[in-house]
Amino acid sequence: MLADEMRRSQPHEVPTRGARSGMPPQDRDESTSARTVHRLRRIRQVSVQAITEIDQALRHRAS
């Protein structure tokens, strides 16, 4: 049997979403939480910037 065939014959494990193999569950949770916080801060920053630009465009148009 070839090495590839041996690997394929073993059951395939699918990690949970966002999980990294080799990391304890509590570290995975902290890492995921940190990424989520970073993503939310970025979304907020972009949203504030977009609102500011829209506000300026509307003021310019009204004058």
N, C-alpha and C. Protein backbone atom coordinates (compact mmCIF):
# COMPACT_ATOMS: atom_id res chain seq x y z
N MET A 1 0.85 -1.18 0.00
CA MET A 1 0.00 0.00 0.00
C MET A 1 0.89 1.25 0.00
N LEU A 2 0.55 2.20 -0.80
CA LEU A 2 1.32 3.45 -0.87
C LEU A 2 0.99 4.35 0.31
N ALA A 3 1.89 5.27 0.61
CA ALA A 3 1.67 6.21 1.72
C ALA A 3 0.40 7.03 1.52
N ASP A 4 0.16 7.46 0.26
CA ASP A 4 -1.05 8.24 -0.03
C ASP A 4 -2.31 7.44 0.26
N GLU A 5 -2.31 6.17 -0.11
CA GLU A 5 -3.47 5.32 0.11
C GLU A 5 -3.70 5.12 1.61
N MET A 6 -2.62 4.98 2.37
CA MET A 6 -2.75 4.80 3.81
C MET A 6 -3.37 6.04 4.45
N ARG A 7 -2.92 7.21 4.00
CA ARG A 7 -3.47 8.45 4.55
C ARG A 7 -4.94 8.59 4.22
N ARG A 8 -5.31 8.24 2.98
CA ARG A 8 -6.70 8.38 2.55
C ARG A 8 -7.63 7.41 3.27
N SER A 9 -7.09 6.26 3.68
CA SER A 9 -7.94 5.26 4.31
C SER A 9 -8.29 5.62 5.76
N GLN A 10 -7.58 6.58 6.33
CA GLN A 10 -7.87 7.00 7.69
C GLN A 10 -9.01 8.00 7.70
N PRO A 11 -9.83 7.98 8.76
CA PRO A 11 -10.96 8.93 8.79
C PRO A 11 -10.48 10.38 8.75
N HIS A 12 -11.25 11.19 8.08
CA HIS A 12 -10.90 12.60 7.93
C HIS A 12 -11.52 13.40 9.07
N GLU A 13 -10.70 14.16 9.78
CA GLU A 13 -11.21 15.00 10.85
C GLU A 13 -11.33 16.43 10.37
N VAL A 14 -12.48 17.03 10.62
CA VAL A 14 -12.71 18.42 10.23
C VAL A 14 -12.69 19.26 11.50
N PRO A 15 -11.72 20.18 11.62
CA PRO A 15 -11.69 21.02 12.83
C PRO A 15 -12.88 21.96 12.85
N THR A 16 -13.30 22.34 14.05
CA THR A 16 -14.39 23.30 14.15
C THR A 16 -13.94 24.63 13.56
N ARG A 17 -14.88 25.42 13.13
CA ARG A 17 -14.56 26.68 12.46
C ARG A 17 -13.73 27.58 13.38
N GLY A 18 -12.62 28.07 12.85
CA GLY A 18 -11.77 28.96 13.61
C GLY A 18 -10.80 28.24 14.53
N ALA A 19 -10.92 26.91 14.61
CA ALA A 19 -10.03 26.15 15.49
C ALA A 19 -8.70 25.91 14.80
N ARG A 20 -7.66 25.95 15.58
CA ARG A 20 -6.33 25.65 15.06
C ARG A 20 -5.82 24.43 15.79
N SER A 21 -5.32 23.47 15.04
CA SER A 21 -4.81 22.27 15.69
C SER A 21 -3.57 22.63 16.50
N GLY A 22 -3.41 21.94 17.61
CA GLY A 22 -2.25 22.17 18.45
C GLY A 22 -2.45 23.25 19.49
N MET A 23 -3.55 23.96 19.44
CA MET A 23 -3.81 25.01 20.43
C MET A 23 -4.83 24.51 21.43
N PRO A 24 -4.59 24.72 22.72
CA PRO A 24 -5.60 24.34 23.72
C PRO A 24 -6.88 25.13 23.48
N PRO A 25 -8.04 24.56 23.82
CA PRO A 25 -9.32 25.25 23.55
C PRO A 25 -9.40 26.65 24.13
N GLN A 26 -8.90 26.88 25.34
CA GLN A 26 -9.00 28.22 25.91
C GLN A 26 -8.18 29.23 25.10
N ASP A 27 -7.01 28.81 24.58
CA ASP A 27 -6.21 29.70 23.74
C ASP A 27 -6.91 29.99 22.43
N ARG A 28 -7.59 28.97 21.89
CA ARG A 28 -8.34 29.17 20.64
C ARG A 28 -9.44 30.19 20.85
N ASP A 29 -10.15 30.08 21.97
CA ASP A 29 -11.24 31.02 22.27
C ASP A 29 -10.71 32.44 22.40
N GLU A 30 -9.58 32.60 23.10
CA GLU A 30 -8.99 33.94 23.26
C GLU A 30 -8.54 34.49 21.92
N SER A 31 -7.94 33.63 21.09
CA SER A 31 -7.47 34.07 19.78
C SER A 31 -8.65 34.48 18.90
N THR A 32 -9.71 33.69 18.92
CA THR A 32 -10.90 34.01 18.13
C THR A 32 -11.53 35.29 18.63
N SER A 33 -11.60 35.45 19.95
CA SER A 33 -12.17 36.67 20.52
C SER A 33 -11.36 37.89 20.14
N ALA A 34 -10.04 37.77 20.17
CA ALA A 34 -9.17 38.89 19.80
C ALA A 34 -9.38 39.27 18.34
N ARG A 35 -9.51 38.26 17.48
CA ARG A 35 -9.74 38.54 16.05
C ARG A 35 -11.10 39.21 15.85
N THR A 36 -12.09 38.75 16.59
CA THR A 36 -13.43 39.33 16.48
C THR A 36 -13.42 40.79 16.92
N VAL A 37 -12.76 41.07 18.03
CA VAL A 37 -12.68 42.45 18.52
C VAL A 37 -11.96 43.32 17.50
N HIS A 38 -10.86 42.82 16.95
CA HIS A 38 -10.11 43.58 15.95
C HIS A 38 -10.98 43.85 14.72
N ARG A 39 -11.71 42.84 14.28
CA ARG A 39 -12.58 42.97 13.10
C ARG A 39 -13.68 44.00 13.36
N LEU A 40 -14.28 43.94 14.56
CA LEU A 40 -15.35 44.89 14.89
C LEU A 40 -14.83 46.32 14.98
N ARG A 41 -13.63 46.48 15.55
CA ARG A 41 -13.04 47.83 15.61
C ARG A 41 -12.78 48.37 14.22
N ARG A 42 -12.32 47.51 13.33
CA ARG A 42 -12.06 47.93 11.94
C ARG A 42 -13.36 48.32 11.24
N ILE A 43 -14.40 47.52 11.44
CA ILE A 43 -15.71 47.83 10.84
C ILE A 43 -16.22 49.17 11.36
N ARG A 44 -16.07 49.39 12.67
CA ARG A 44 -16.52 50.65 13.26
C ARG A 44 -15.75 51.83 12.67
N GLN A 45 -14.43 51.66 12.54
CA GLN A 45 -13.60 52.73 12.00
C GLN A 45 -14.02 53.07 10.58
N VAL A 46 -14.24 52.07 9.76
CA VAL A 46 -14.65 52.29 8.37
C VAL A 46 -16.04 52.92 8.33
N SER A 47 -16.93 52.48 9.21
CA SER A 47 -18.28 53.03 9.25
C SER A 47 -18.27 54.52 9.62
N VAL A 48 -17.49 54.87 10.63
CA VAL A 48 -17.40 56.27 11.05
C VAL A 48 -16.84 57.11 9.91
N GLN A 49 -15.83 56.59 9.23
CA GLN A 49 -15.23 57.32 8.10
C GLN A 49 -16.26 57.50 6.98
N ALA A 50 -17.01 56.46 6.68
CA ALA A 50 -18.02 56.55 5.62
C ALA A 50 -19.11 57.55 5.98
N ILE A 51 -19.56 57.52 7.21
CA ILE A 51 -20.60 58.46 7.66
C ILE A 51 -20.09 59.89 7.57
N THR A 52 -18.85 60.11 7.95
CA THR A 52 -18.26 61.45 7.88
C THR A 52 -18.21 61.94 6.43
N GLU A 53 -17.81 61.06 5.53
CA GLU A 53 -17.72 61.45 4.11
C GLU A 53 -19.11 61.74 3.54
N ILE A 54 -20.09 60.94 3.90
CA ILE A 54 -21.46 61.16 3.42
C ILE A 54 -22.00 62.47 3.97
N ASP A 55 -21.75 62.72 5.24
CA ASP A 55 -22.19 63.96 5.88
C ASP A 55 -21.58 65.17 5.18
N GLN A 56 -20.29 65.11 4.90
CA GLN A 56 -19.61 66.22 4.21
C GLN A 56 -20.18 66.42 2.81
N ALA A 57 -20.44 65.34 2.11
CA ALA A 57 -21.00 65.43 0.75
C ALA A 57 -22.39 66.07 0.79
N LEU A 58 -23.19 65.70 1.78
CA LEU A 58 -24.54 66.27 1.88
C LEU A 58 -24.49 67.76 2.23
N ARG A 59 -23.57 68.13 3.12
CA ARG A 59 -23.41 69.55 3.47
C ARG A 59 -22.95 70.37 2.26
N HIS A 60 -22.02 69.81 1.52
CA HIS A 60 -21.50 70.50 0.34
C HIS A 60 -22.61 70.66 -0.71
N ARG A 61 -23.42 69.63 -0.87
CA ARG A 61 -24.51 69.66 -1.84
C ARG A 61 -25.58 70.67 -1.44
N ALA A 62 -25.84 70.79 -0.13
CA ALA A 62 -26.89 71.70 0.36
C ALA A 62 -26.47 73.16 0.24
N SER A 63 -25.18 73.42 0.26
CA SER A 63 -24.75 74.84 0.21
C SER A 63 -24.58 75.35 -1.20
